[in-house]
Amino acid sequence: MFALNDDNRQSDPEDQSWWAEARCNDGAATMSGLFFSEELQDIARAKVICALCPVLVPCLEGALDRREPWGVWGGQMFLNGKILASKRRRGRPPKVARPEDQLPDVPIPEHLRTA
């Protein structure tokens, strides 16, 4: 299966040459704790890293194609292969929302919104 990239050209989902340009790829996996954390502060930091990443689109396309079971991919939170719209802390929600619980909004590219 081929996907359209930003230039509306087909890209091969098996091609992961873009990975070298990913902001989260430091060669030592030191950031994996952020991208696979249950803590909202870690998830927020991961989403900010993704938002500034030059390869956000192929990362998100690949995660959708692979139906990633969990984590932050392409600026989106995944659970059971699907993008989660939101996440909150465990337990009863507070009466007044905590500012630190607000996750950054990383827009989903138009061509991936129905996926």
C-alpha atoms as a PDB file:
ATOM      1  CA  MET A   1       0.000   0.000   0.000  1.00  0.00           C
ATOM      2  CA  PHE A   2       1.260   3.448  -0.870  1.00  0.00           C
ATOM      3  CA  ALA A   3       0.444   6.723   0.856  1.00  0.00           C
ATOM      4  CA  LEU A   4       0.563  10.281  -0.476  1.00  0.00           C
ATOM      5  CA  ASN A   5       3.253  12.521   0.947  1.00  0.00           C
ATOM      6  CA  ASP A   6       3.181  16.337   1.226  1.00  0.00           C
ATOM      7  CA  ASP A   7       3.893  16.714  -2.497  1.00  0.00           C
ATOM      8  CA  ASN A   8       0.991  14.340  -3.343  1.00  0.00           C
ATOM      9  CA  ARG A   9       3.501  11.760  -4.544  1.00  0.00           C
ATOM     10  CA  GLN A  10       3.199   8.142  -3.525  1.00  0.00           C
ATOM     11  CA  SER A  11       5.584   7.005  -0.811  1.00  0.00           C
ATOM     12  CA  ASP A  12       6.492   3.447   0.078  1.00  0.00           C
ATOM     13  CA  PRO A  13       5.478   2.656   3.701  1.00  0.00           C
ATOM     14  CA  GLU A  14       8.411   0.204   3.888  1.00  0.00           C
ATOM     15  CA  ASP A  15      10.871   3.054   3.221  1.00  0.00           C
ATOM     16  CA  GLN A  16      12.073   4.352   6.563  1.00  0.00           C
ATOM     17  CA  SER A  17      14.919   6.538   5.317  1.00  0.00           C
ATOM     18  CA  TRP A  18      13.094   9.491   6.920  1.00  0.00           C
ATOM     19  CA  TRP A  19      13.908   8.040  10.356  1.00  0.00           C
ATOM     20  CA  ALA A  20      17.414   9.558  10.238  1.00  0.00           C
ATOM     21  CA  GLU A  21      15.834  13.050  10.314  1.00  0.00           C
ATOM     22  CA  ALA A  22      13.451  12.369  13.236  1.00  0.00           C
ATOM     23  CA  ARG A  23      13.959  14.663  16.233  1.00  0.00           C
ATOM     24  CA  CYS A  24      13.385  11.735  18.609  1.00  0.00           C
ATOM     25  CA  ASN A  25      16.114   9.618  16.983  1.00  0.00           C
ATOM     26  CA  ASP A  26      19.217  10.239  19.050  1.00  0.00           C
ATOM     27  CA  GLY A  27      20.718   6.831  18.293  1.00  0.00           C
ATOM     28  CA  ALA A  28      20.567   5.724  21.923  1.00  0.00           C
ATOM     29  CA  ALA A  29      16.793   5.594  22.523  1.00  0.00           C
ATOM     30  CA  THR A  30      17.120   8.019  25.427  1.00  0.00           C
ATOM     31  CA  MET A  31      13.753   9.633  24.633  1.00  0.00           C
ATOM     32  CA  SER A  32      11.686   6.448  24.431  1.00  0.00           C
ATOM     33  CA  GLY A  33      10.582   6.959  28.044  1.00  0.00           C
ATOM     34  CA  LEU A  34       8.780  10.146  26.994  1.00  0.00           C
ATOM     35  CA  PHE A  35       7.065   8.603  23.981  1.00  0.00           C
ATOM     36  CA  PHE A  36       5.814   5.524  25.842  1.00  0.00           C
ATOM     37  CA  SER A  37       4.970   7.080  29.214  1.00  0.00           C
ATOM     38  CA  GLU A  38       1.603   7.198  30.954  1.00  0.00           C
ATOM     39  CA  GLU A  39       2.498  10.537  32.595  1.00  0.00           C
ATOM     40  CA  LEU A  40       0.782  13.550  31.035  1.00  0.00           C
ATOM     41  CA  GLN A  41       3.880  15.739  31.411  1.00  0.00           C
ATOM     42  CA  ASP A  42       5.975  13.218  29.461  1.00  0.00           C
ATOM     43  CA  ILE A  43       3.304  12.872  26.775  1.00  0.00           C
ATOM     44  CA  ALA A  44       3.133  16.670  26.458  1.00  0.00           C
ATOM     45  CA  ARG A  45       6.923  16.867  26.005  1.00  0.00           C
ATOM     46  CA  ALA A  46       6.827  14.105  23.378  1.00  0.00           C
ATOM     47  CA  LYS A  47       4.059  15.895  21.467  1.00  0.00           C
ATOM     48  CA  VAL A  48       6.066  19.150  21.472  1.00  0.00           C
ATOM     49  CA  ILE A  49       9.094  17.300  20.067  1.00  0.00           C
ATOM     50  CA  CYS A  50       6.869  15.808  17.348  1.00  0.00           C
ATOM     51  CA  ALA A  51       5.241  19.144  16.523  1.00  0.00           C
ATOM     52  CA  LEU A  52       8.634  20.557  15.544  1.00  0.00           C
ATOM     53  CA  CYS A  53       9.810  17.437  13.710  1.00  0.00           C
ATOM     54  CA  PRO A  54      10.438  17.618   9.952  1.00  0.00           C
ATOM     55  CA  VAL A  55       9.253  14.013   9.460  1.00  0.00           C
ATOM     56  CA  LEU A  56       5.994  14.144  11.440  1.00  0.00           C
ATOM     57  CA  VAL A  57       3.860  13.045   8.462  1.00  0.00           C
ATOM     58  CA  PRO A  58       5.754   9.851   7.505  1.00  0.00           C
ATOM     59  CA  CYS A  59       6.005   8.932  11.190  1.00  0.00           C
ATOM     60  CA  LEU A  60       2.252   9.259  11.675  1.00  0.00           C
ATOM     61  CA  GLU A  61       1.512   7.478   8.384  1.00  0.00           C
ATOM     62  CA  GLY A  62       3.724   4.568   9.429  1.00  0.00           C
ATOM     63  CA  ALA A  63       2.150   4.332  12.877  1.00  0.00           C
ATOM     64  CA  LEU A  64      -1.325   4.206  11.343  1.00  0.00           C
ATOM     65  CA  ASP A  65      -0.232   1.586   8.792  1.00  0.00           C
ATOM     66  CA  ARG A  66       1.372  -0.564  11.518  1.00  0.00           C
ATOM     67  CA  ARG A  67      -1.532   0.037  13.918  1.00  0.00           C
ATOM     68  CA  GLU A  68       0.913   0.929  16.703  1.00  0.00           C
ATOM     69  CA  PRO A  69      -0.429  -0.447  19.984  1.00  0.00           C
ATOM     70  CA  TRP A  70       0.531   2.582  22.100  1.00  0.00           C
ATOM     71  CA  GLY A  71       2.785   5.589  22.493  1.00  0.00           C
ATOM     72  CA  VAL A  72       3.189   8.973  20.834  1.00  0.00           C
ATOM     73  CA  TRP A  73       3.785   8.773  17.084  1.00  0.00           C
ATOM     74  CA  GLY A  74       3.726  11.705  14.677  1.00  0.00           C
ATOM     75  CA  GLY A  75       2.458  13.984  17.442  1.00  0.00           C
ATOM     76  CA  GLN A  76      -0.547  11.790  18.262  1.00  0.00           C
ATOM     77  CA  MET A  77      -1.252   9.429  21.166  1.00  0.00           C
ATOM     78  CA  PHE A  78      -2.005   5.859  20.142  1.00  0.00           C
ATOM     79  CA  LEU A  79      -3.850   3.103  21.948  1.00  0.00           C
ATOM     80  CA  ASN A  80      -4.705  -0.209  20.308  1.00  0.00           C
ATOM     81  CA  GLY A  81      -3.738   1.071  16.862  1.00  0.00           C
ATOM     82  CA  LYS A  82      -5.976   4.146  16.976  1.00  0.00           C
ATOM     83  CA  ILE A  83      -5.370   7.812  17.696  1.00  0.00           C
ATOM     84  CA  LEU A  84      -6.652   8.921  21.099  1.00  0.00           C
ATOM     85  CA  ALA A  85      -8.425  12.273  21.123  1.00  0.00           C
ATOM     86  CA  SER A  86      -7.465  13.004  24.740  1.00  0.00           C
ATOM     87  CA  LYS A  87      -6.043  11.532  27.902  1.00  0.00           C
ATOM     88  CA  ARG A  88      -6.530  12.366  31.559  1.00  0.00           C
ATOM     89  CA  ARG A  89      -4.931  11.354  34.813  1.00  0.00           C
ATOM     90  CA  ARG A  90      -6.080   8.234  36.603  1.00  0.00           C
ATOM     91  CA  GLY A  91      -8.728   8.655  39.258  1.00  0.00           C
ATOM     92  CA  ARG A  92     -11.410  11.242  39.752  1.00  0.00           C
ATOM     93  CA  PRO A  93     -11.007  14.378  37.643  1.00  0.00           C
ATOM     94  CA  PRO A  94     -10.345  17.570  39.619  1.00  0.00           C
ATOM     95  CA  LYS A  95     -13.078  20.193  39.914  1.00  0.00           C
ATOM     96  CA  VAL A  96     -10.703  22.777  38.457  1.00  0.00           C
ATOM     97  CA  ALA A  97      -8.606  21.648  35.497  1.00  0.00           C
ATOM     98  CA  ARG A  98      -4.860  21.626  36.097  1.00  0.00           C
ATOM     99  CA  PRO A  99      -2.906  23.693  33.542  1.00  0.00           C
ATOM    100  CA  GLU A 100      -0.164  21.044  33.466  1.00  0.00           C
ATOM    101  CA  ASP A 101      -2.721  18.456  32.306  1.00  0.00           C
ATOM    102  CA  GLN A 102      -3.358  20.311  29.038  1.00  0.00           C
ATOM    103  CA  LEU A 103      -1.685  18.472  26.173  1.00  0.00           C
ATOM    104  CA  PRO A 104      -0.438  20.381  23.125  1.00  0.00           C
ATOM    105  CA  ASP A 105      -2.621  20.074  20.049  1.00  0.00           C
ATOM    106  CA  VAL A 106      -0.670  18.725  17.094  1.00  0.00           C
ATOM    107  CA  PRO A 107      -2.955  18.858  14.040  1.00  0.00           C
ATOM    108  CA  ILE A 108      -3.483  15.674  12.069  1.00  0.00           C
ATOM    109  CA  PRO A 109      -2.660  16.213   8.375  1.00  0.00           C
ATOM    110  CA  GLU A 110      -5.812  16.421   6.259  1.00  0.00           C
ATOM    111  CA  HIS A 111      -5.130  13.266   4.243  1.00  0.00           C
ATOM    112  CA  LEU A 112      -4.832  11.196   7.456  1.00  0.00           C
ATOM    113  CA  ARG A 113      -7.918  12.441   9.297  1.00  0.00           C
ATOM    114  CA  THR A 114     -10.215   9.689   8.080  1.00  0.00           C
ATOM    115  CA  ALA A 115      -7.661   6.912   8.725  1.00  0.00           C
END
